C-alpha atoms as a PDB file:
ATOM      1  CA  MET A   1      -0.561   0.353  81.910  1.00  0.00           C
ATOM      2  CA  GLU A   2      -3.824   2.491  82.666  1.00  0.00           C
ATOM      3  CA  LYS A   3      -4.986  -0.242  85.109  1.00  0.00           C
ATOM      4  CA  LEU A   4      -1.557  -0.260  86.884  1.00  0.00           C
ATOM      5  CA  TYR A   5      -1.851   3.444  87.251  1.00  0.00           C
ATOM      6  CA  SER A   6      -5.422   3.470  88.520  1.00  0.00           C
ATOM      7  CA  ASP A   7      -4.093   1.972  91.547  1.00  0.00           C
ATOM      8  CA  SER A   8      -4.251   4.936  93.629  1.00  0.00           C
ATOM      9  CA  PRO A   9      -1.684   3.875  96.345  1.00  0.00           C
ATOM     10  CA  VAL A  10       0.773   3.317  93.242  1.00  0.00           C
ATOM     11  CA  ALA A  11      -0.328   6.435  91.427  1.00  0.00           C
ATOM     12  CA  ARG A  12       0.029   8.744  94.140  1.00  0.00           C
ATOM     13  CA  TYR A  13       3.896   8.678  94.023  1.00  0.00           C
ATOM     14  CA  ILE A  14       4.216   8.668  90.195  1.00  0.00           C
ATOM     15  CA  GLY A  15       1.690  11.442  89.130  1.00  0.00           C
ATOM     16  CA  GLY A  16      -1.535  10.895  90.755  1.00  0.00           C
ATOM     17  CA  SER A  17      -4.328  12.424  88.858  1.00  0.00           C
ATOM     18  CA  ASN A  18      -2.296  13.592  85.999  1.00  0.00           C
ATOM     19  CA  LEU A  19      -2.124  10.013  84.939  1.00  0.00           C
ATOM     20  CA  ASN A  20      -5.542  10.240  82.884  1.00  0.00           C
ATOM     21  CA  HIS A  21      -6.039   8.308  79.719  1.00  0.00           C
ATOM     22  CA  GLY A  22      -4.243  10.807  77.366  1.00  0.00           C
ATOM     23  CA  ALA A  23      -1.407  10.792  79.696  1.00  0.00           C
ATOM     24  CA  VAL A  24      -0.984   7.212  79.928  1.00  0.00           C
ATOM     25  CA  VAL A  25      -1.221   6.973  76.107  1.00  0.00           C
ATOM     26  CA  HIS A  26       1.373   9.639  75.545  1.00  0.00           C
ATOM     27  CA  GLN A  27       3.839   7.764  78.252  1.00  0.00           C
ATOM     28  CA  VAL A  28       3.392   4.592  76.349  1.00  0.00           C
ATOM     29  CA  ASN A  29       4.502   6.366  73.272  1.00  0.00           C
ATOM     30  CA  VAL A  30       7.501   7.738  74.749  1.00  0.00           C
ATOM     31  CA  PHE A  31       8.575   4.446  76.284  1.00  0.00           C
ATOM     32  CA  VAL A  32       8.062   2.793  72.886  1.00  0.00           C
ATOM     33  CA  LYS A  33      10.475   5.875  71.414  1.00  0.00           C
ATOM     34  CA  VAL A  34      13.144   5.234  74.000  1.00  0.00           C
ATOM     35  CA  TRP A  35      13.239   1.571  73.274  1.00  0.00           C
ATOM     36  CA  GLU A  36      13.657   2.400  69.360  1.00  0.00           C
ATOM     37  CA  GLU A  37      16.370   5.020  70.049  1.00  0.00           C
ATOM     38  CA  HIS A  38      18.388   3.641  72.906  1.00  0.00           C
ATOM     39  CA  GLY A  39      17.972  -0.280  72.650  1.00  0.00           C
ATOM     40  CA  TYR A  40      16.538   0.000  76.079  1.00  0.00           C
ATOM     41  CA  GLY A  41      13.696   1.202  78.262  1.00  0.00           C
ATOM     42  CA  GLN A  42      10.806  -0.136  80.332  1.00  0.00           C
ATOM     43  CA  SER A  43       9.801  -3.686  80.556  1.00  0.00           C
ATOM     44  CA  VAL A  44       6.735  -5.006  81.582  1.00  0.00           C
ATOM     45  CA  VAL A  45       6.821  -7.527  84.655  1.00  0.00           C
ATOM     46  CA  VAL A  46       4.678 -10.440  84.364  1.00  0.00           C
ATOM     47  CA  ASP A  47       3.612 -12.811  87.290  1.00  0.00           C
ATOM     48  CA  LYS A  48       4.712 -16.224  86.020  1.00  0.00           C
ATOM     49  CA  ALA A  49       1.845 -18.140  87.764  1.00  0.00           C
ATOM     50  CA  THR A  50      -0.838 -16.185  86.172  1.00  0.00           C
ATOM     51  CA  GLY A  51       0.658 -14.444  83.044  1.00  0.00           C
ATOM     52  CA  LYS A  52      -0.643 -11.025  84.310  1.00  0.00           C
ATOM     53  CA  ALA A  53       1.176  -7.800  83.711  1.00  0.00           C
ATOM     54  CA  ILE A  54       1.641  -6.752  87.509  1.00  0.00           C
ATOM     55  CA  GLY A  55       4.070  -3.591  86.692  1.00  0.00           C
ATOM     56  CA  ARG A  56       6.866  -2.146  85.016  1.00  0.00           C
ATOM     57  CA  VAL A  57      10.650  -1.755  85.664  1.00  0.00           C
ATOM     58  CA  GLY A  58      13.413  -0.534  83.302  1.00  0.00           C
ATOM     59  CA  LEU A  59      15.509   2.386  82.217  1.00  0.00           C
ATOM     60  CA  HIS A  60      14.590   6.047  81.050  1.00  0.00           C
ATOM     61  CA  PRO A  61      16.556   8.955  80.444  1.00  0.00           C
ATOM     62  CA  TRP A  62      16.273  11.844  82.162  1.00  0.00           C
ATOM     63  CA  VAL A  63      17.062  14.413  79.408  1.00  0.00           C
ATOM     64  CA  GLU A  64      16.551  17.818  81.840  1.00  0.00           C
ATOM     65  CA  TRP A  65      19.561  15.951  84.268  1.00  0.00           C
ATOM     66  CA  ASN A  66      21.380  14.293  81.593  1.00  0.00           C
ATOM     67  CA  GLU A  67      21.026  11.016  83.713  1.00  0.00           C
ATOM     68  CA  LEU A  68      19.891   7.706  83.269  1.00  0.00           C
ATOM     69  CA  GLU A  69      17.161   6.394  85.489  1.00  0.00           C
ATOM     70  CA  ILE A  70      15.872   2.995  86.445  1.00  0.00           C
ATOM     71  CA  GLY A  71      12.338   3.107  87.505  1.00  0.00           C
ATOM     72  CA  TRP A  72      10.046   0.341  88.975  1.00  0.00           C
ATOM     73  CA  VAL A  73       6.455   0.311  89.248  1.00  0.00           C
ATOM     74  CA  ILE A  74       4.623  -2.621  90.772  1.00  0.00           C
ATOM     75  CA  ALA A  75       0.645  -3.182  91.115  1.00  0.00           C
ATOM     76  CA  THR A  76      -0.247  -3.059  95.043  1.00  0.00           C
ATOM     77  CA  ARG A  77      -1.372  -6.493  95.321  1.00  0.00           C
ATOM     78  CA  TRP A  78       2.357  -7.646  94.262  1.00  0.00           C
ATOM     79  CA  GLN A  79       4.409  -5.430  96.447  1.00  0.00           C
ATOM     80  CA  ARG A  80       6.522  -6.718  99.047  1.00  0.00           C
ATOM     81  CA  GLN A  81       7.127 -10.045  97.146  1.00  0.00           C
ATOM     82  CA  LYS A  82      10.518  -9.061  95.430  1.00  0.00           C
ATOM     83  CA  ARG A  83       9.179  -8.587  92.025  1.00  0.00           C
ATOM     84  CA  ALA A  84      10.792  -5.216  91.787  1.00  0.00           C
ATOM     85  CA  THR A  85      14.001  -6.427  93.301  1.00  0.00           C
ATOM     86  CA  GLU A  86      14.332  -9.086  91.055  1.00  0.00           C
ATOM     87  CA  ALA A  87      13.422  -7.242  87.802  1.00  0.00           C
ATOM     88  CA  ALA A  88      15.609  -4.218  88.903  1.00  0.00           C
ATOM     89  CA  GLN A  89      18.604  -6.438  89.770  1.00  0.00           C
ATOM     90  CA  ALA A  90      18.354  -7.989  86.013  1.00  0.00           C
ATOM     91  CA  TRP A  91      18.387  -4.500  84.804  1.00  0.00           C
ATOM     92  CA  LEU A  92      21.299  -3.371  87.316  1.00  0.00           C
ATOM     93  CA  ALA A  93      23.297  -6.292  85.687  1.00  0.00           C
ATOM     94  CA  TRP A  94      22.322  -5.658  81.991  1.00  0.00           C
ATOM     95  CA  GLY A  95      23.750  -2.016  82.763  1.00  0.00           C
ATOM     96  CA  ARG A  96      26.709  -3.181  84.169  1.00  0.00           C
ATOM     97  CA  ASP A  97      27.904  -5.244  81.146  1.00  0.00           C
ATOM     98  CA  TYR A  98      26.278  -2.791  78.298  1.00  0.00           C
ATOM     99  CA  LEU A  99      26.015   0.621  79.337  1.00  0.00           C
ATOM    100  CA  ALA A 100      28.662   3.266  79.021  1.00  0.00           C
ATOM    101  CA  GLU A 101      27.215   5.480  81.745  1.00  0.00           C
ATOM    102  CA  GLU A 102      29.235   5.448  85.067  1.00  0.00           C
ATOM    103  CA  TYR A 103      25.939   5.355  87.176  1.00  0.00           C
ATOM    104  CA  LEU A 104      22.075   5.062  87.162  1.00  0.00           C
ATOM    105  CA  ILE A 105      19.728   7.115  89.060  1.00  0.00           C
ATOM    106  CA  ALA A 106      16.409   6.008  90.887  1.00  0.00           C
ATOM    107  CA  VAL A 107      14.086   9.211  91.240  1.00  0.00           C
ATOM    108  CA  VAL A 108      11.723   8.537  94.470  1.00  0.00           C
ATOM    109  CA  HIS A 109       9.179  10.585  95.723  1.00  0.00           C
ATOM    110  CA  THR A 110      10.000  11.852  99.173  1.00  0.00           C
ATOM    111  CA  GLN A 111       7.200   9.767 100.720  1.00  0.00           C
ATOM    112  CA  ASN A 112       7.732   6.596  98.926  1.00  0.00           C
ATOM    113  CA  THR A 113       9.189   4.604 101.906  1.00  0.00           C
ATOM    114  CA  ALA A 114       9.342   1.204 100.105  1.00  0.00           C
ATOM    115  CA  SER A 115      10.923   2.589  97.134  1.00  0.00           C
ATOM    116  CA  HIS A 116      13.610   4.255  99.147  1.00  0.00           C
ATOM    117  CA  GLN A 117      14.398   0.880 100.852  1.00  0.00           C
ATOM    118  CA  LEU A 118      14.500  -0.931  97.796  1.00  0.00           C
ATOM    119  CA  ALA A 119      16.767   1.573  96.281  1.00  0.00           C
ATOM    120  CA  GLN A 120      18.808   1.209  99.289  1.00  0.00           C
ATOM    121  CA  SER A 121      18.862  -2.500  99.270  1.00  0.00           C
ATOM    122  CA  LEU A 122      19.954  -2.711  95.607  1.00  0.00           C
ATOM    123  CA  GLY A 123      22.984  -0.772  96.423  1.00  0.00           C
ATOM    124  CA  PHE A 124      21.855   2.699  95.675  1.00  0.00           C
ATOM    125  CA  VAL A 125      23.350   5.657  97.773  1.00  0.00           C
ATOM    126  CA  LYS A 126      21.368   8.803  98.204  1.00  0.00           C
ATOM    127  CA  ALA A 127      22.759  11.464  95.786  1.00  0.00           C
ATOM    128  CA  ARG A 128      20.633  14.566  96.225  1.00  0.00           C
ATOM    129  CA  ASP A 129      17.013  16.091  97.202  1.00  0.00           C
ATOM    130  CA  ASP A 130      15.333  17.300  94.011  1.00  0.00           C
ATOM    131  CA  GLN A 131      12.279  18.048  92.219  1.00  0.00           C
ATOM    132  CA  THR A 132      10.492  16.895  89.335  1.00  0.00           C
ATOM    133  CA  PRO A 133       7.548  18.866  87.677  1.00  0.00           C
ATOM    134  CA  TRP A 134       5.009  16.694  89.658  1.00  0.00           C
ATOM    135  CA  ASN A 135       6.917  15.965  93.141  1.00  0.00           C
ATOM    136  CA  PRO A 136       9.938  16.369  95.497  1.00  0.00           C
ATOM    137  CA  VAL A 137      11.982  13.555  95.294  1.00  0.00           C
ATOM    138  CA  VAL A 138      15.131  11.940  96.334  1.00  0.00           C
ATOM    139  CA  VAL A 139      17.527  11.064  93.722  1.00  0.00           C
ATOM    140  CA  TRP A 140      19.418   7.577  94.596  1.00  0.00           C
ATOM    141  CA  ARG A 141      22.631   6.854  92.639  1.00  0.00           C
ATOM    142  CA  TYR A 142      24.303   3.443  91.681  1.00  0.00           C
ATOM    143  CA  ASP A 143      27.835   3.143  90.121  1.00  0.00           C
ATOM    144  CA  LEU A 144      27.818   0.824  87.400  1.00  0.00           C
ATOM    145  CA  HIS A 145      31.397   0.633  87.077  1.00  0.00           C
END
């Protein structure tokens, strides 16, 4: 994941220079803990042809907002090839089948046009403008039931 986060066009929307080695290790540990506690979490996206890890897509609780987020991060070289779309669609289908939550959110940096477009194409609707500790964001909502 550290290589993914060193991709500056990607990192600028998800923490930028704050994504140092220690922060990445901490984030991975948090992701593992989420899987252990909830039975869902972030999944590695792998290019079938090369076997290379090219990103991550999955679910993560926003404790501060008491909401469940689906998030996606794909390396620049692999963007605009429907990789995040395919992975997110799989998670949304899983969520409709297995989650008790009424909806999921997608938290997108205000300037991340590609992720705003992806959220809309997946059927999300704009819920609100908000602020994370790092960035101003748009929170998108996807009704599961």
